[in-house]
Amino acid sequence: MELDGRKLKDRAMAAMSKFKHNMKGTYYSIADIPTASVQELADFIQIHPDTHAIKKSLLGNTYTFFRLNLNNYRFYLETTNDRILQLDGSLNGKELVTYRSYRDSEDIYTPVKLS
């Protein structure tokens, strides 16, 4: 049986990434640090009554841009067809989260520290 080095490397990288995300979630839980995933934040931003949303049709695709300023939190979200393209969040000017779908797609459910 021949081992495919690329498949083996991809599987190892996926396992380490999953382990890292699980450890981060466990640490935040033990330390009682408030967290949310990118997906949870995006859902919250989209349904919050104070969110300002703008829809634009660009090159035949519909994009929605959301902005939410809540207390000292600032969020910016871009979506298309319910897919998160970009999410930025800060608290008192300190960056909490920067998500880009083209580079961070595997991190959509990873806990993000909210303090």
C-alpha atoms as a PDB file:
ATOM      1  CA  MET A   1       0.000   0.000   0.000  1.00  0.00           C
ATOM      2  CA  GLU A   2       1.435   3.333  -1.046  1.00  0.00           C
ATOM      3  CA  LEU A   3       0.939   6.428   1.107  1.00  0.00           C
ATOM      4  CA  ASP A   4      -0.012   9.659  -0.579  1.00  0.00           C
ATOM      5  CA  GLY A   5       2.088  12.306   1.156  1.00  0.00           C
ATOM      6  CA  ARG A   6      -0.202  15.157   0.202  1.00  0.00           C
ATOM      7  CA  LYS A   7      -3.330  13.439   1.570  1.00  0.00           C
ATOM      8  CA  LEU A   8      -1.490  12.519   4.744  1.00  0.00           C
ATOM      9  CA  LYS A   9      -0.288  16.105   5.201  1.00  0.00           C
ATOM     10  CA  ASP A  10      -3.785  17.520   4.568  1.00  0.00           C
ATOM     11  CA  ARG A  11      -5.329  15.135   7.091  1.00  0.00           C
ATOM     12  CA  ALA A  12      -2.684  15.984   9.696  1.00  0.00           C
ATOM     13  CA  MET A  13      -3.193  19.720   9.144  1.00  0.00           C
ATOM     14  CA  ALA A  14      -6.979  19.339   9.460  1.00  0.00           C
ATOM     15  CA  ALA A  15      -6.598  17.324  12.669  1.00  0.00           C
ATOM     16  CA  MET A  16      -4.235  19.899  14.197  1.00  0.00           C
ATOM     17  CA  SER A  17      -6.545  22.754  13.218  1.00  0.00           C
ATOM     18  CA  LYS A  18      -9.523  21.002  14.807  1.00  0.00           C
ATOM     19  CA  PHE A  19      -7.471  20.288  17.941  1.00  0.00           C
ATOM     20  CA  LYS A  20      -6.390  23.954  18.160  1.00  0.00           C
ATOM     21  CA  HIS A  21      -9.986  25.180  17.833  1.00  0.00           C
ATOM     22  CA  ASN A  22     -11.198  22.729  20.481  1.00  0.00           C
ATOM     23  CA  MET A  23      -8.432  23.736  22.883  1.00  0.00           C
ATOM     24  CA  LYS A  24      -9.175  27.427  22.351  1.00  0.00           C
ATOM     25  CA  GLY A  25     -12.875  26.851  23.079  1.00  0.00           C
ATOM     26  CA  THR A  26     -12.063  24.833  26.194  1.00  0.00           C
ATOM     27  CA  TYR A  27      -9.656  27.482  27.487  1.00  0.00           C
ATOM     28  CA  TYR A  28     -12.175  30.289  26.974  1.00  0.00           C
ATOM     29  CA  SER A  29     -14.852  28.228  28.695  1.00  0.00           C
ATOM     30  CA  ILE A  30     -12.656  27.410  31.714  1.00  0.00           C
ATOM     31  CA  ALA A  31     -11.456  31.012  32.000  1.00  0.00           C
ATOM     32  CA  ASP A  32     -15.078  32.226  31.720  1.00  0.00           C
ATOM     33  CA  ILE A  33     -14.200  34.492  28.785  1.00  0.00           C
ATOM     34  CA  PRO A  34     -17.211  35.505  26.647  1.00  0.00           C
ATOM     35  CA  THR A  35     -16.908  34.099  23.124  1.00  0.00           C
ATOM     36  CA  ALA A  36     -18.840  33.673  19.894  1.00  0.00           C
ATOM     37  CA  SER A  37     -17.999  32.159  16.536  1.00  0.00           C
ATOM     38  CA  VAL A  38     -17.881  34.133  13.294  1.00  0.00           C
ATOM     39  CA  GLN A  39     -21.137  32.436  12.263  1.00  0.00           C
ATOM     40  CA  GLU A  40     -22.832  33.368  15.566  1.00  0.00           C
ATOM     41  CA  LEU A  41     -21.646  36.983  15.266  1.00  0.00           C
ATOM     42  CA  ALA A  42     -22.852  37.202  11.665  1.00  0.00           C
ATOM     43  CA  ASP A  43     -26.277  35.838  12.630  1.00  0.00           C
ATOM     44  CA  PHE A  44     -26.499  38.316  15.529  1.00  0.00           C
ATOM     45  CA  ILE A  45     -25.491  41.275  13.349  1.00  0.00           C
ATOM     46  CA  GLN A  46     -28.023  40.392  10.645  1.00  0.00           C
ATOM     47  CA  ILE A  47     -31.012  40.179  13.020  1.00  0.00           C
ATOM     48  CA  HIS A  48     -30.166  43.025  15.415  1.00  0.00           C
ATOM     49  CA  PRO A  49     -32.671  45.902  15.105  1.00  0.00           C
ATOM     50  CA  ASP A  50     -29.928  48.572  15.193  1.00  0.00           C
ATOM     51  CA  THR A  51     -28.051  47.097  12.236  1.00  0.00           C
ATOM     52  CA  HIS A  52     -27.834  49.242   9.097  1.00  0.00           C
ATOM     53  CA  ALA A  53     -27.927  47.119   5.935  1.00  0.00           C
ATOM     54  CA  ILE A  54     -27.286  48.096   2.333  1.00  0.00           C
ATOM     55  CA  LYS A  55     -27.877  45.785  -0.651  1.00  0.00           C
ATOM     56  CA  LYS A  56     -25.997  46.235  -3.895  1.00  0.00           C
ATOM     57  CA  SER A  57     -26.037  44.316  -7.128  1.00  0.00           C
ATOM     58  CA  LEU A  58     -22.531  44.116  -8.569  1.00  0.00           C
ATOM     59  CA  LEU A  59     -21.666  42.127 -11.713  1.00  0.00           C
ATOM     60  CA  GLY A  60     -24.921  40.194 -11.430  1.00  0.00           C
ATOM     61  CA  ASN A  61     -24.392  39.197  -7.782  1.00  0.00           C
ATOM     62  CA  THR A  62     -26.281  40.655  -4.837  1.00  0.00           C
ATOM     63  CA  TYR A  63     -24.147  41.694  -1.874  1.00  0.00           C
ATOM     64  CA  THR A  64     -25.353  42.895   1.505  1.00  0.00           C
ATOM     65  CA  PHE A  65     -23.252  45.158   3.708  1.00  0.00           C
ATOM     66  CA  PHE A  66     -24.099  45.404   7.423  1.00  0.00           C
ATOM     67  CA  ARG A  67     -22.855  47.859  10.043  1.00  0.00           C
ATOM     68  CA  LEU A  68     -23.670  47.603  13.734  1.00  0.00           C
ATOM     69  CA  ASN A  69     -22.463  49.969  16.449  1.00  0.00           C
ATOM     70  CA  LEU A  70     -23.568  48.637  19.814  1.00  0.00           C
ATOM     71  CA  ASN A  71     -22.225  50.233  22.998  1.00  0.00           C
ATOM     72  CA  ASN A  72     -18.466  50.196  22.373  1.00  0.00           C
ATOM     73  CA  TYR A  73     -18.623  47.332  19.861  1.00  0.00           C
ATOM     74  CA  ARG A  74     -18.268  48.037  16.123  1.00  0.00           C
ATOM     75  CA  PHE A  75     -19.097  45.362  13.534  1.00  0.00           C
ATOM     76  CA  TYR A  76     -18.906  45.288   9.744  1.00  0.00           C
ATOM     77  CA  LEU A  77     -20.219  42.311   7.763  1.00  0.00           C
ATOM     78  CA  GLU A  78     -20.371  41.521   4.035  1.00  0.00           C
ATOM     79  CA  THR A  79     -22.443  38.635   2.675  1.00  0.00           C
ATOM     80  CA  THR A  80     -23.646  37.214  -0.601  1.00  0.00           C
ATOM     81  CA  ASN A  81     -26.262  34.464  -0.891  1.00  0.00           C
ATOM     82  CA  ASP A  82     -26.076  33.888   2.896  1.00  0.00           C
ATOM     83  CA  ARG A  83     -22.304  33.315   2.639  1.00  0.00           C
ATOM     84  CA  ILE A  84     -20.098  35.380   4.930  1.00  0.00           C
ATOM     85  CA  LEU A  85     -17.435  37.122   2.874  1.00  0.00           C
ATOM     86  CA  GLN A  86     -15.975  39.435   5.509  1.00  0.00           C
ATOM     87  CA  LEU A  87     -16.505  40.192   9.185  1.00  0.00           C
ATOM     88  CA  ASP A  88     -14.649  42.765  11.259  1.00  0.00           C
ATOM     89  CA  GLY A  89     -15.329  43.504  14.899  1.00  0.00           C
ATOM     90  CA  SER A  90     -13.742  45.705  17.510  1.00  0.00           C
ATOM     91  CA  LEU A  91     -14.309  46.793  21.094  1.00  0.00           C
ATOM     92  CA  ASN A  92     -13.134  50.260  22.138  1.00  0.00           C
ATOM     93  CA  GLY A  93     -10.948  50.371  19.032  1.00  0.00           C
ATOM     94  CA  LYS A  94      -9.289  47.020  19.872  1.00  0.00           C
ATOM     95  CA  GLU A  95      -9.643  44.429  17.109  1.00  0.00           C
ATOM     96  CA  LEU A  96     -11.635  41.368  18.182  1.00  0.00           C
ATOM     97  CA  VAL A  97     -12.129  39.545  14.900  1.00  0.00           C
ATOM     98  CA  THR A  98     -11.136  39.848  11.248  1.00  0.00           C
ATOM     99  CA  TYR A  99     -12.567  37.118   9.057  1.00  0.00           C
ATOM    100  CA  ARG A 100     -12.054  36.799   5.296  1.00  0.00           C
ATOM    101  CA  SER A 101     -13.729  33.894   3.520  1.00  0.00           C
ATOM    102  CA  TYR A 102     -10.893  33.492   1.020  1.00  0.00           C
ATOM    103  CA  ARG A 103      -8.342  32.811   3.768  1.00  0.00           C
ATOM    104  CA  ASP A 104     -10.254  31.839   6.947  1.00  0.00           C
ATOM    105  CA  SER A 105     -13.072  29.602   5.715  1.00  0.00           C
ATOM    106  CA  GLU A 106     -12.188  26.771   8.121  1.00  0.00           C
ATOM    107  CA  ASP A 107     -12.391  29.168  11.087  1.00  0.00           C
ATOM    108  CA  ILE A 108     -16.073  30.072  10.788  1.00  0.00           C
ATOM    109  CA  TYR A 109     -17.033  28.086  13.920  1.00  0.00           C
ATOM    110  CA  THR A 110     -13.898  28.810  15.986  1.00  0.00           C
ATOM    111  CA  PRO A 111     -14.597  30.742  19.201  1.00  0.00           C
ATOM    112  CA  VAL A 112     -13.566  34.407  19.142  1.00  0.00           C
ATOM    113  CA  LYS A 113     -12.865  36.249  22.402  1.00  0.00           C
ATOM    114  CA  LEU A 114     -15.341  39.139  22.861  1.00  0.00           C
ATOM    115  CA  SER A 115     -13.566  41.116  25.554  1.00  0.00           C
END
